[in-house]
C-alpha atoms as a PDB file:
ATOM      1  CA  MET A   1      -8.938 -24.819 -30.720  1.00  0.00           C
ATOM      2  CA  LYS A   2      -8.993 -22.982 -27.447  1.00  0.00           C
ATOM      3  CA  SER A   3     -11.763 -20.418 -27.223  1.00  0.00           C
ATOM      4  CA  ALA A   4     -10.610 -16.831 -25.881  1.00  0.00           C
ATOM      5  CA  PRO A   5     -11.136 -16.595 -21.985  1.00  0.00           C
ATOM      6  CA  ALA A   6     -14.430 -14.822 -20.926  1.00  0.00           C
ATOM      7  CA  ARG A   7     -13.976 -11.401 -20.260  1.00  0.00           C
ATOM      8  CA  THR A   8     -15.998  -9.759 -17.263  1.00  0.00           C
ATOM      9  CA  PRO A   9     -17.976  -6.869 -18.466  1.00  0.00           C
ATOM     10  CA  GLU A  10     -16.997  -3.302 -17.416  1.00  0.00           C
ATOM     11  CA  VAL A  11     -19.745  -2.232 -14.972  1.00  0.00           C
ATOM     12  CA  THR A  12     -18.355   1.553 -14.877  1.00  0.00           C
ATOM     13  CA  GLY A  13     -16.958   3.858 -17.518  1.00  0.00           C
ATOM     14  CA  VAL A  14     -13.858   5.901 -17.575  1.00  0.00           C
ATOM     15  CA  LEU A  15     -15.577   8.947 -16.181  1.00  0.00           C
ATOM     16  CA  VAL A  16     -16.784   7.175 -13.034  1.00  0.00           C
ATOM     17  CA  ARG A  17     -13.491   5.708 -12.322  1.00  0.00           C
ATOM     18  CA  THR A  18     -11.593   8.953 -12.945  1.00  0.00           C
ATOM     19  CA  ILE A  19     -13.945  10.812 -10.479  1.00  0.00           C
ATOM     20  CA  ALA A  20     -13.604   7.759  -8.009  1.00  0.00           C
ATOM     21  CA  LYS A  21      -9.755   8.154  -8.095  1.00  0.00           C
ATOM     22  CA  LEU A  22     -10.085  12.022  -7.649  1.00  0.00           C
ATOM     23  CA  LEU A  23     -12.444  11.739  -4.692  1.00  0.00           C
ATOM     24  CA  PHE A  24     -10.515   8.922  -2.752  1.00  0.00           C
ATOM     25  CA  LEU A  25      -7.940  11.090  -1.067  1.00  0.00           C
ATOM     26  CA  PRO A  26     -10.188  14.107  -0.202  1.00  0.00           C
ATOM     27  CA  THR A  27     -12.568  11.670   1.543  1.00  0.00           C
ATOM     28  CA  LEU A  28      -9.896  10.379   3.581  1.00  0.00           C
ATOM     29  CA  VAL A  29      -8.725  13.796   4.419  1.00  0.00           C
ATOM     30  CA  THR A  30     -12.335  14.862   5.409  1.00  0.00           C
ATOM     31  CA  ALA A  31     -12.656  11.655   7.728  1.00  0.00           C
ATOM     32  CA  VAL A  32      -9.411  12.676   9.523  1.00  0.00           C
ATOM     33  CA  ALA A  33     -10.571  16.318   9.679  1.00  0.00           C
ATOM     34  CA  ILE A  34     -14.101  15.035  11.166  1.00  0.00           C
ATOM     35  CA  LEU A  35     -12.167  12.974  13.563  1.00  0.00           C
ATOM     36  CA  ILE A  36      -9.712  15.785  14.632  1.00  0.00           C
ATOM     37  CA  LYS A  37     -12.494  18.380  15.107  1.00  0.00           C
ATOM     38  CA  GLY A  38     -14.916  15.835  16.608  1.00  0.00           C
ATOM     39  CA  TYR A  39     -14.281  16.177  20.172  1.00  0.00           C
ATOM     40  CA  ALA A  40     -14.440  19.943  20.220  1.00  0.00           C
ATOM     41  CA  GLN A  41     -17.325  20.683  17.615  1.00  0.00           C
ATOM     42  CA  PRO A  42     -19.969  18.621  16.241  1.00  0.00           C
ATOM     43  CA  GLY A  43     -18.768  15.333  14.890  1.00  0.00           C
ATOM     44  CA  ASP A  44     -16.966  12.440  16.165  1.00  0.00           C
ATOM     45  CA  GLY A  45     -14.960   8.958  15.475  1.00  0.00           C
ATOM     46  CA  PHE A  46     -18.198   7.445  14.104  1.00  0.00           C
ATOM     47  CA  SER A  47     -19.127   9.849  11.684  1.00  0.00           C
ATOM     48  CA  ALA A  48     -15.382   9.960  10.542  1.00  0.00           C
ATOM     49  CA  GLY A  49     -15.226   6.244  10.299  1.00  0.00           C
ATOM     50  CA  VAL A  50     -18.350   6.352   8.050  1.00  0.00           C
ATOM     51  CA  VAL A  51     -16.789   8.818   5.771  1.00  0.00           C
ATOM     52  CA  GLY A  52     -13.766   6.967   5.434  1.00  0.00           C
ATOM     53  CA  ALA A  53     -15.339   3.580   4.728  1.00  0.00           C
ATOM     54  CA  LEU A  54     -17.599   5.343   2.179  1.00  0.00           C
ATOM     55  CA  GLY A  55     -14.247   6.451   0.273  1.00  0.00           C
ATOM     56  CA  VAL A  56     -13.070   3.048   0.135  1.00  0.00           C
ATOM     57  CA  LEU A  57     -16.669   1.551  -0.747  1.00  0.00           C
ATOM     58  CA  LEU A  58     -16.491   3.921  -3.805  1.00  0.00           C
ATOM     59  CA  GLN A  59     -13.275   2.226  -5.061  1.00  0.00           C
ATOM     60  CA  TYR A  60     -14.955  -1.070  -4.540  1.00  0.00           C
ATOM     61  CA  LEU A  61     -18.095   0.139  -6.916  1.00  0.00           C
ATOM     62  CA  SER A  62     -15.746   1.817  -9.168  1.00  0.00           C
ATOM     63  CA  PHE A  63     -12.853  -0.589  -9.903  1.00  0.00           C
ATOM     64  CA  GLY A  64     -13.966  -3.725  -8.282  1.00  0.00           C
ATOM     65  CA  ARG A  65     -13.143  -6.273  -5.637  1.00  0.00           C
ATOM     66  CA  ARG A  66      -9.519  -7.009  -6.800  1.00  0.00           C
ATOM     67  CA  ALA A  67      -8.534  -3.361  -7.248  1.00  0.00           C
ATOM     68  CA  ALA A  68      -9.967  -2.228  -4.166  1.00  0.00           C
ATOM     69  CA  GLU A  69      -8.486  -4.909  -2.012  1.00  0.00           C
ATOM     70  CA  ARG A  70      -4.936  -3.792  -3.072  1.00  0.00           C
ATOM     71  CA  LEU A  71      -5.346  -0.734  -1.202  1.00  0.00           C
ATOM     72  CA  PRO A  72      -3.355  -0.832   2.140  1.00  0.00           C
ATOM     73  CA  LEU A  73      -6.557   0.502   4.022  1.00  0.00           C
ATOM     74  CA  VAL A  74      -8.430  -2.771   3.047  1.00  0.00           C
ATOM     75  CA  GLY A  75      -5.723  -4.893   4.123  1.00  0.00           C
ATOM     76  CA  LEU A  76      -5.209  -3.527   7.460  1.00  0.00           C
ATOM     77  CA  ALA A  77      -9.012  -3.066   8.105  1.00  0.00           C
ATOM     78  CA  GLY A  78      -9.292  -6.366  10.401  1.00  0.00           C
ATOM     79  CA  LYS A  79      -6.161  -5.423  12.385  1.00  0.00           C
ATOM     80  CA  GLY A  80      -7.414  -1.853  12.492  1.00  0.00           C
ATOM     81  CA  ALA A  81     -10.695  -2.720  14.019  1.00  0.00           C
ATOM     82  CA  PHE A  82      -9.250  -5.109  16.545  1.00  0.00           C
ATOM     83  CA  ALA A  83      -6.627  -2.275  17.741  1.00  0.00           C
ATOM     84  CA  GLY A  84      -9.587   0.159  17.825  1.00  0.00           C
ATOM     85  CA  LEU A  85     -11.442  -2.108  20.281  1.00  0.00           C
ATOM     86  CA  LEU A  86      -8.540  -2.652  22.447  1.00  0.00           C
ATOM     87  CA  ILE A  87      -7.725   1.056  22.584  1.00  0.00           C
ATOM     88  CA  ALA A  88     -11.213   1.948  23.211  1.00  0.00           C
ATOM     89  CA  LEU A  89     -11.479  -0.862  26.192  1.00  0.00           C
ATOM     90  CA  LEU A  90      -8.051   0.544  27.624  1.00  0.00           C
ATOM     91  CA  VAL A  91      -9.337   4.156  27.558  1.00  0.00           C
ATOM     92  CA  ALA A  92     -12.706   3.119  29.212  1.00  0.00           C
ATOM     93  CA  ALA A  93     -11.068   0.668  31.873  1.00  0.00           C
ATOM     94  CA  ALA A  94      -7.794   2.400  32.659  1.00  0.00           C
ATOM     95  CA  PRO A  95      -9.395   4.895  35.120  1.00  0.00           C
ATOM     96  CA  VAL A  96     -10.746   2.218  37.109  1.00  0.00           C
ATOM     97  CA  PHE A  97      -7.232   0.932  38.026  1.00  0.00           C
ATOM     98  CA  LEU A  98      -6.390   4.538  39.016  1.00  0.00           C
ATOM     99  CA  GLY A  99      -9.582   4.617  41.574  1.00  0.00           C
ATOM    100  CA  GLN A 100     -11.580   6.853  39.104  1.00  0.00           C
ATOM    101  CA  PRO A 101     -14.852   5.951  37.464  1.00  0.00           C
ATOM    102  CA  VAL A 102     -15.234   4.234  34.320  1.00  0.00           C
ATOM    103  CA  PHE A 103     -14.501   6.517  31.162  1.00  0.00           C
ATOM    104  CA  THR A 104     -12.775   9.324  33.340  1.00  0.00           C
ATOM    105  CA  HIS A 105     -10.986  11.449  30.782  1.00  0.00           C
ATOM    106  CA  TYR A 106      -7.454  12.717  31.288  1.00  0.00           C
ATOM    107  CA  PRO A 107      -6.018  15.060  31.823  1.00  0.00           C
ATOM    108  CA  LEU A 108      -8.465  15.846  34.689  1.00  0.00           C
ATOM    109  CA  ALA A 109      -9.956  19.442  34.827  1.00  0.00           C
ATOM    110  CA  GLY A 110      -7.281  22.164  35.853  1.00  0.00           C
ATOM    111  CA  ALA A 111      -4.314  19.939  34.631  1.00  0.00           C
ATOM    112  CA  SER A 112      -2.145  20.977  31.716  1.00  0.00           C
ATOM    113  CA  VAL A 113      -2.947  19.523  28.279  1.00  0.00           C
ATOM    114  CA  VAL A 114      -0.159  18.115  25.818  1.00  0.00           C
ATOM    115  CA  TYR A 115      -0.836  19.752  22.290  1.00  0.00           C
ATOM    116  CA  VAL A 116       0.409  18.555  18.923  1.00  0.00           C
ATOM    117  CA  GLY A 117       0.082  21.584  16.717  1.00  0.00           C
ATOM    118  CA  THR A 118      -3.416  22.723  17.583  1.00  0.00           C
ATOM    119  CA  VAL A 119      -4.791  19.359  18.595  1.00  0.00           C
ATOM    120  CA  GLU A 120      -5.065  18.431  22.348  1.00  0.00           C
ATOM    121  CA  LEU A 121      -3.950  15.013  23.369  1.00  0.00           C
ATOM    122  CA  ILE A 122      -6.714  14.066  25.658  1.00  0.00           C
ATOM    123  CA  THR A 123      -8.228  10.526  25.968  1.00  0.00           C
ATOM    124  CA  ALA A 124     -11.512  11.601  24.424  1.00  0.00           C
ATOM    125  CA  PHE A 125      -9.648  12.089  21.144  1.00  0.00           C
ATOM    126  CA  LEU A 126      -8.070   8.716  21.692  1.00  0.00           C
ATOM    127  CA  PHE A 127     -11.414   7.034  22.376  1.00  0.00           C
ATOM    128  CA  ASP A 128     -12.682   8.819  19.194  1.00  0.00           C
ATOM    129  CA  ALA A 129      -9.771   7.502  17.235  1.00  0.00           C
ATOM    130  CA  ALA A 130     -10.391   3.981  18.509  1.00  0.00           C
ATOM    131  CA  VAL A 131     -14.147   4.384  17.398  1.00  0.00           C
ATOM    132  CA  PHE A 132     -12.921   5.411  14.069  1.00  0.00           C
ATOM    133  CA  LEU A 133     -10.990   2.363  13.696  1.00  0.00           C
ATOM    134  CA  VAL A 134     -13.680   0.039  14.732  1.00  0.00           C
ATOM    135  CA  VAL A 135     -16.063   1.382  12.336  1.00  0.00           C
ATOM    136  CA  VAL A 136     -13.756   1.529   9.275  1.00  0.00           C
ATOM    137  CA  GLY A 137     -12.621  -1.987  10.170  1.00  0.00           C
ATOM    138  CA  PHE A 138     -16.206  -3.359  10.395  1.00  0.00           C
ATOM    139  CA  VAL A 139     -17.526  -1.787   7.318  1.00  0.00           C
ATOM    140  CA  LEU A 140     -14.534  -2.764   5.258  1.00  0.00           C
ATOM    141  CA  GLY A 141     -14.461  -6.143   6.710  1.00  0.00           C
ATOM    142  CA  ALA A 142     -18.233  -6.684   5.859  1.00  0.00           C
ATOM    143  CA  VAL A 143     -17.956  -5.332   2.315  1.00  0.00           C
ATOM    144  CA  GLN A 144     -14.873  -7.578   1.815  1.00  0.00           C
ATOM    145  CA  MET A 145     -16.912 -10.770   3.097  1.00  0.00           C
ATOM    146  CA  ILE A 146     -19.960  -9.943   0.809  1.00  0.00           C
ATOM    147  CA  SER A 147     -17.600  -9.371  -2.152  1.00  0.00           C
ATOM    148  CA  GLN A 148     -15.821 -12.561  -1.500  1.00  0.00           C
ATOM    149  CA  THR A 149     -18.927 -14.556  -1.220  1.00  0.00           C
ATOM    150  CA  ILE A 150     -20.192 -13.263  -4.519  1.00  0.00           C
ATOM    151  CA  ALA A 151     -16.688 -13.843  -6.264  1.00  0.00           C
ATOM    152  CA  ASP A 152     -16.713 -17.528  -4.810  1.00  0.00           C
ATOM    153  CA  GLU A 153     -20.312 -18.013  -6.057  1.00  0.00           C
ATOM    154  CA  ASP A 154     -19.368 -16.892  -9.731  1.00  0.00           C
ATOM    155  CA  GLU A 155     -16.228 -19.019  -9.419  1.00  0.00           C
ATOM    156  CA  TYR A 156     -18.321 -22.001  -8.417  1.00  0.00           C
ATOM    157  CA  ARG A 157     -20.605 -21.523 -11.394  1.00  0.00           C
ATOM    158  CA  GLY A 158     -17.822 -21.131 -13.752  1.00  0.00           C
ATOM    159  CA  PRO A 159     -17.032 -18.654 -16.503  1.00  0.00           C
ATOM    160  CA  TYR A 160     -19.668 -19.981 -18.983  1.00  0.00           C
ATOM    161  CA  ALA A 161     -22.535 -20.381 -16.340  1.00  0.00           C
ATOM    162  CA  THR A 162     -25.434 -18.660 -18.143  1.00  0.00           C
ATOM    163  CA  GLY A 163     -28.797 -19.731 -18.905  1.00  0.00           C
ATOM    164  CA  PRO A 164     -31.987 -20.552 -17.066  1.00  0.00           C
ATOM    165  CA  GLU A 165     -30.274 -23.450 -14.959  1.00  0.00           C
ATOM    166  CA  PHE A 166     -28.326 -20.821 -13.218  1.00  0.00           C
ATOM    167  CA  ASP A 167     -31.222 -18.078 -13.039  1.00  0.00           C
ATOM    168  CA  ALA A 168     -33.141 -18.587  -9.781  1.00  0.00           C
ATOM    169  CA  SER A 169     -36.144 -16.955 -11.457  1.00  0.00           C
ATOM    170  CA  ALA A 170     -36.244 -19.636 -14.160  1.00  0.00           C
ATOM    171  CA  GLY A 171     -37.957 -22.288 -11.761  1.00  0.00           C
ATOM    172  CA  THR A 172     -36.960 -25.350 -10.070  1.00  0.00           C
ATOM    173  CA  ASN A 173     -36.661 -27.804 -13.111  1.00  0.00           C
ATOM    174  CA  ALA A 174     -33.205 -27.125 -14.326  1.00  0.00           C
ATOM    175  CA  GLY A 175     -32.921 -29.877 -16.621  1.00  0.00           C
ATOM    176  CA  ALA A 176     -36.237 -28.831 -18.426  1.00  0.00           C
ATOM    177  CA  ALA A 177     -34.134 -26.104 -20.344  1.00  0.00           C
ATOM    178  CA  ASP A 178     -32.156 -28.786 -21.868  1.00  0.00           C
ATOM    179  CA  GLY A 179     -35.341 -30.763 -23.005  1.00  0.00           C
ATOM    180  CA  VAL A 180     -34.622 -33.484 -20.618  1.00  0.00           C
ATOM    181  CA  ASP A 181     -37.704 -34.807 -18.775  1.00  0.00           C
ATOM    182  CA  MET A 182     -36.282 -35.044 -15.052  1.00  0.00           C
ATOM    183  CA  GLU A 183     -38.741 -37.824 -13.957  1.00  0.00           C
ATOM    184  CA  SER A 184     -38.081 -40.343 -16.684  1.00  0.00           C
ATOM    185  CA  SER A 185     -34.381 -39.672 -16.815  1.00  0.00           C
ATOM    186  CA  SER A 186     -34.204 -40.580 -12.996  1.00  0.00           C
ATOM    187  CA  GLY A 187     -36.071 -43.704 -13.144  1.00  0.00           C
ATOM    188  CA  GLY A 188     -38.910 -42.535 -11.334  1.00  0.00           C
ATOM    189  CA  GLY A 189     -41.300 -41.772 -14.245  1.00  0.00           C
ATOM    190  CA  ARG A 190     -43.533 -44.128 -16.486  1.00  0.00           C
ATOM    191  CA  ARG A 191     -41.659 -46.472 -18.827  1.00  0.00           C
END
């Protein structure tokens, strides 16, 4: 007779998951607001990246690894970090090819600025957006690697892995819990 598959215990309750769902979009909107206002007021791409990554981290903690990794933002984290790094390097190095010092921002002082709504499109904003992508990509990539390592470790142990032989604090003699003397069973003890 087959036994029922082992269910993983729910770590969070309904209230925590509901609040996490409700906070996800406002967290991302706040991150974008910090990114847009960052070059004109206190705030920047780094702060916006941290806020955005914390919104996704809340989803990891509330719903678990599998549910959080279905979010499009998590799937694109690595590519976003690479794109952000490439954009940041281009913004930093492009002025050198034009005979200007590194990190010279365009448009230069006195030149006309292109606007999208109320946002000025200047290279400082582009650099902040690149930093945002790098920070979000790095944090989500690190969280994804850690959660994958934990999942692989749990899978290696198996669904019924309980007891002192899997508990690091139980000591080094795992067979002693089963009543087996490791020295005599391995042929190294007295006979």
